[in-house]
Amino acid sequence: MVDFPFFFCYNNFNKGGDKVNERFFQFAREASLKSDYTRRGSAPRIGAIAVYKGSIVAEAWNTDKTSPLQARYNEYRYYNPTLPEKSHAETVLVQRLRWKFGDSLDWSRVQIYLYRELKSGKLAMARPCRSCFHLLRDLGVRKVFYTTENGFAEERIL
């Protein structure tokens, strides 16, 4: 499952698992409902929250708005320059955290939760793309939790 050389410890959990705080996923779900991402009618709506020292400190969602930070990290994934740039939930979340905390945030203690749900209400894969994983690694984030088709997953970043 792990396809990036600097990630390890992929764990998949079902709802009700001891290691997954479903409360945080509920907040990430609420954030996903705020998404204005409209590319192609079936575009995914992804919500993200940041947990720091056990508390939610920021929320974000993918958006039609552009971002220089997203443009910078798009080099790490397949990118079609003919499509308009969109900001991923992780990128927006990082920008909000930087605005809120400046340089005082210990990124290694930040946990990211990502939520994606299909229109049918079923959970869907919300694993960060290659560019977002690079961004989180560069900042020093160590844990990312996200929805999968079967529940939740956790990845630790080296």
Protein backbone atom coordinates (compact mmCIF):
# COMPACT_ATOMS: atom_id res chain seq x y z
CA MET A 1 0.00 0.00 0.00
CA VAL A 2 2.81 2.43 0.80
CA ASP A 3 4.17 3.89 -2.42
CA PHE A 4 6.33 6.74 -1.12
CA PRO A 5 9.78 5.90 0.24
CA PHE A 6 9.46 8.11 3.32
CA PHE A 7 6.18 6.73 4.71
CA PHE A 8 5.58 3.65 6.76
CA CYS A 9 3.22 1.98 9.21
CA TYR A 10 0.02 1.87 7.21
CA ASN A 11 -2.77 0.70 9.52
CA ASN A 12 -6.37 0.17 8.49
CA PHE A 13 -9.09 0.38 11.14
CA ASN A 14 -12.82 -0.19 11.04
CA LYS A 15 -15.28 2.15 12.70
CA GLY A 16 -15.17 1.66 16.44
CA GLY A 17 -11.44 0.87 16.42
CA ASP A 18 -9.53 1.78 19.55
CA LYS A 19 -6.85 3.75 17.75
CA VAL A 20 -9.10 6.03 15.78
CA ASN A 21 -10.81 8.96 17.37
CA GLU A 22 -14.09 8.99 15.48
CA ARG A 23 -14.95 12.33 17.04
CA PHE A 24 -12.14 13.96 15.05
CA PHE A 25 -13.40 12.32 11.87
CA GLN A 26 -16.86 13.74 12.55
CA PHE A 27 -15.38 17.25 12.64
CA ALA A 28 -13.46 16.53 9.42
CA ARG A 29 -16.74 15.35 7.86
CA GLU A 30 -18.40 18.64 8.80
CA ALA A 31 -15.51 20.49 7.18
CA SER A 32 -15.93 18.48 3.97
CA LEU A 33 -19.49 19.74 3.65
CA LYS A 34 -18.14 23.29 3.31
CA SER A 35 -16.12 22.45 0.19
CA ASP A 36 -16.84 24.47 -2.94
CA TYR A 37 -14.74 22.18 -5.14
CA THR A 38 -16.71 21.82 -8.35
CA ARG A 39 -14.40 20.45 -11.05
CA ARG A 40 -16.41 17.81 -12.89
CA GLY A 41 -19.78 17.07 -11.34
CA SER A 42 -18.46 14.22 -9.23
CA ALA A 43 -15.54 16.09 -7.70
CA PRO A 44 -14.57 14.89 -4.23
CA ARG A 45 -15.36 17.01 -1.22
CA ILE A 46 -12.60 16.55 1.32
CA GLY A 47 -12.49 17.99 4.81
CA ALA A 48 -9.44 18.27 7.02
CA ILE A 49 -8.77 19.10 10.63
CA ALA A 50 -5.55 19.59 12.56
CA VAL A 51 -5.26 18.23 16.10
CA TYR A 52 -2.54 19.68 18.31
CA LYS A 53 -1.99 18.50 21.88
CA GLY A 54 -5.37 16.75 21.82
CA SER A 55 -7.42 19.73 20.60
CA ILE A 56 -8.73 20.71 17.19
CA VAL A 57 -6.89 23.86 16.21
CA ALA A 58 -7.92 24.34 12.57
CA GLU A 59 -10.25 23.05 9.88
CA ALA A 60 -10.16 23.30 6.09
CA TRP A 61 -11.58 21.80 2.92
CA ASN A 62 -10.65 21.58 -0.73
CA THR A 63 -11.63 24.63 -2.72
CA ASP A 64 -11.82 26.14 -6.18
CA LYS A 65 -9.55 28.97 -5.01
CA THR A 66 -5.94 28.87 -6.13
CA SER A 67 -2.89 28.82 -3.89
CA PRO A 68 0.80 29.52 -4.53
CA LEU A 69 1.63 26.82 -1.98
CA GLN A 70 -0.42 24.26 -3.91
CA ALA A 71 1.20 25.33 -7.17
CA ARG A 72 4.65 24.83 -5.63
CA TYR A 73 3.89 21.29 -4.45
CA ASN A 74 2.08 20.21 -7.62
CA GLU A 75 5.50 19.32 -9.04
CA TYR A 76 5.41 16.12 -6.95
CA ARG A 77 2.37 14.63 -8.67
CA TYR A 78 0.88 14.30 -12.10
CA TYR A 79 -0.37 17.75 -12.93
CA ASN A 80 -2.22 18.94 -15.98
CA PRO A 81 -1.43 22.65 -16.46
CA THR A 82 -4.45 23.08 -18.77
CA LEU A 83 -6.77 22.59 -15.79
CA PRO A 84 -7.23 25.47 -13.37
CA GLU A 85 -5.31 25.06 -10.13
CA LYS A 86 -7.35 24.11 -7.09
CA SER A 87 -6.28 23.99 -3.47
CA HIS A 88 -6.33 20.69 -1.64
CA ALA A 89 -7.72 20.50 1.88
CA GLU A 90 -4.26 19.80 3.31
CA THR A 91 -2.77 22.90 1.67
CA VAL A 92 -5.55 25.15 2.94
CA LEU A 93 -5.16 23.63 6.41
CA VAL A 94 -1.42 24.32 6.45
CA GLN A 95 -2.01 27.94 5.41
CA ARG A 96 -4.54 28.41 8.22
CA LEU A 97 -2.18 26.88 10.77
CA ARG A 98 0.66 29.14 9.63
CA TRP A 99 -1.59 32.18 9.89
CA LYS A 100 -2.79 31.17 13.36
CA PHE A 101 0.50 30.00 14.91
CA GLY A 102 3.26 31.52 12.79
CA ASP A 103 6.54 29.78 13.54
CA SER A 104 5.57 28.68 17.05
CA LEU A 105 3.88 25.42 16.05
CA ASP A 106 5.66 22.11 16.69
CA TRP A 107 4.55 20.37 13.49
CA SER A 108 5.72 16.97 14.76
CA ARG A 109 2.88 17.09 17.31
CA VAL A 110 0.20 17.95 14.74
CA GLN A 111 -2.11 15.16 13.62
CA ILE A 112 -4.05 15.58 10.38
CA TYR A 113 -7.49 13.99 9.86
CA LEU A 114 -8.97 13.80 6.35
CA TYR A 115 -12.53 12.84 5.49
CA ARG A 116 -14.17 11.96 2.19
CA GLU A 117 -17.66 10.62 1.66
CA LEU A 118 -19.47 9.64 -1.54
CA LYS A 119 -22.89 11.11 -2.36
CA SER A 120 -24.35 7.76 -1.32
CA GLY A 121 -22.99 8.33 2.19
CA LYS A 122 -20.32 5.63 1.95
CA LEU A 123 -16.79 6.43 3.07
CA ALA A 124 -14.19 6.92 0.35
CA MET A 125 -10.41 7.11 0.12
CA ALA A 126 -9.06 10.43 1.38
CA ARG A 127 -5.36 9.55 1.41
CA PRO A 128 -3.25 12.62 0.68
CA CYS A 129 -1.86 12.86 -2.83
CA ARG A 130 1.87 12.80 -3.45
CA SER A 131 2.19 16.60 -3.36
CA CYS A 132 0.32 16.90 -0.07
CA PHE A 133 2.39 14.15 1.54
CA HIS A 134 5.54 16.04 0.50
CA LEU A 135 4.16 19.23 2.02
CA LEU A 136 3.31 17.53 5.31
CA ARG A 137 6.70 15.81 5.45
CA ASP A 138 8.55 19.05 4.74
CA LEU A 139 6.77 20.67 7.68
CA GLY A 140 7.49 17.79 10.03
CA VAL A 141 3.97 16.35 10.43
CA ARG A 142 4.29 12.76 11.65
CA LYS A 143 0.74 11.32 11.65
CA VAL A 144 -2.05 11.43 9.08
CA PHE A 145 -5.42 9.73 9.54
CA TYR A 146 -7.87 9.41 6.64
CA THR A 147 -10.99 7.64 5.54
CA THR A 148 -10.87 4.57 3.31
CA GLU A 149 -13.64 2.57 1.67
CA ASN A 150 -13.56 0.23 4.68
CA GLY A 151 -13.12 2.64 7.57
CA PHE A 152 -10.06 4.61 8.59
CA ALA A 153 -6.32 4.43 8.09
CA GLU A 154 -3.26 5.91 9.75
CA GLU A 155 0.11 6.61 8.21
CA ARG A 156 3.20 7.76 10.00
CA ILE A 157 5.66 9.91 8.12
CA LEU A 158 9.38 9.39 8.57
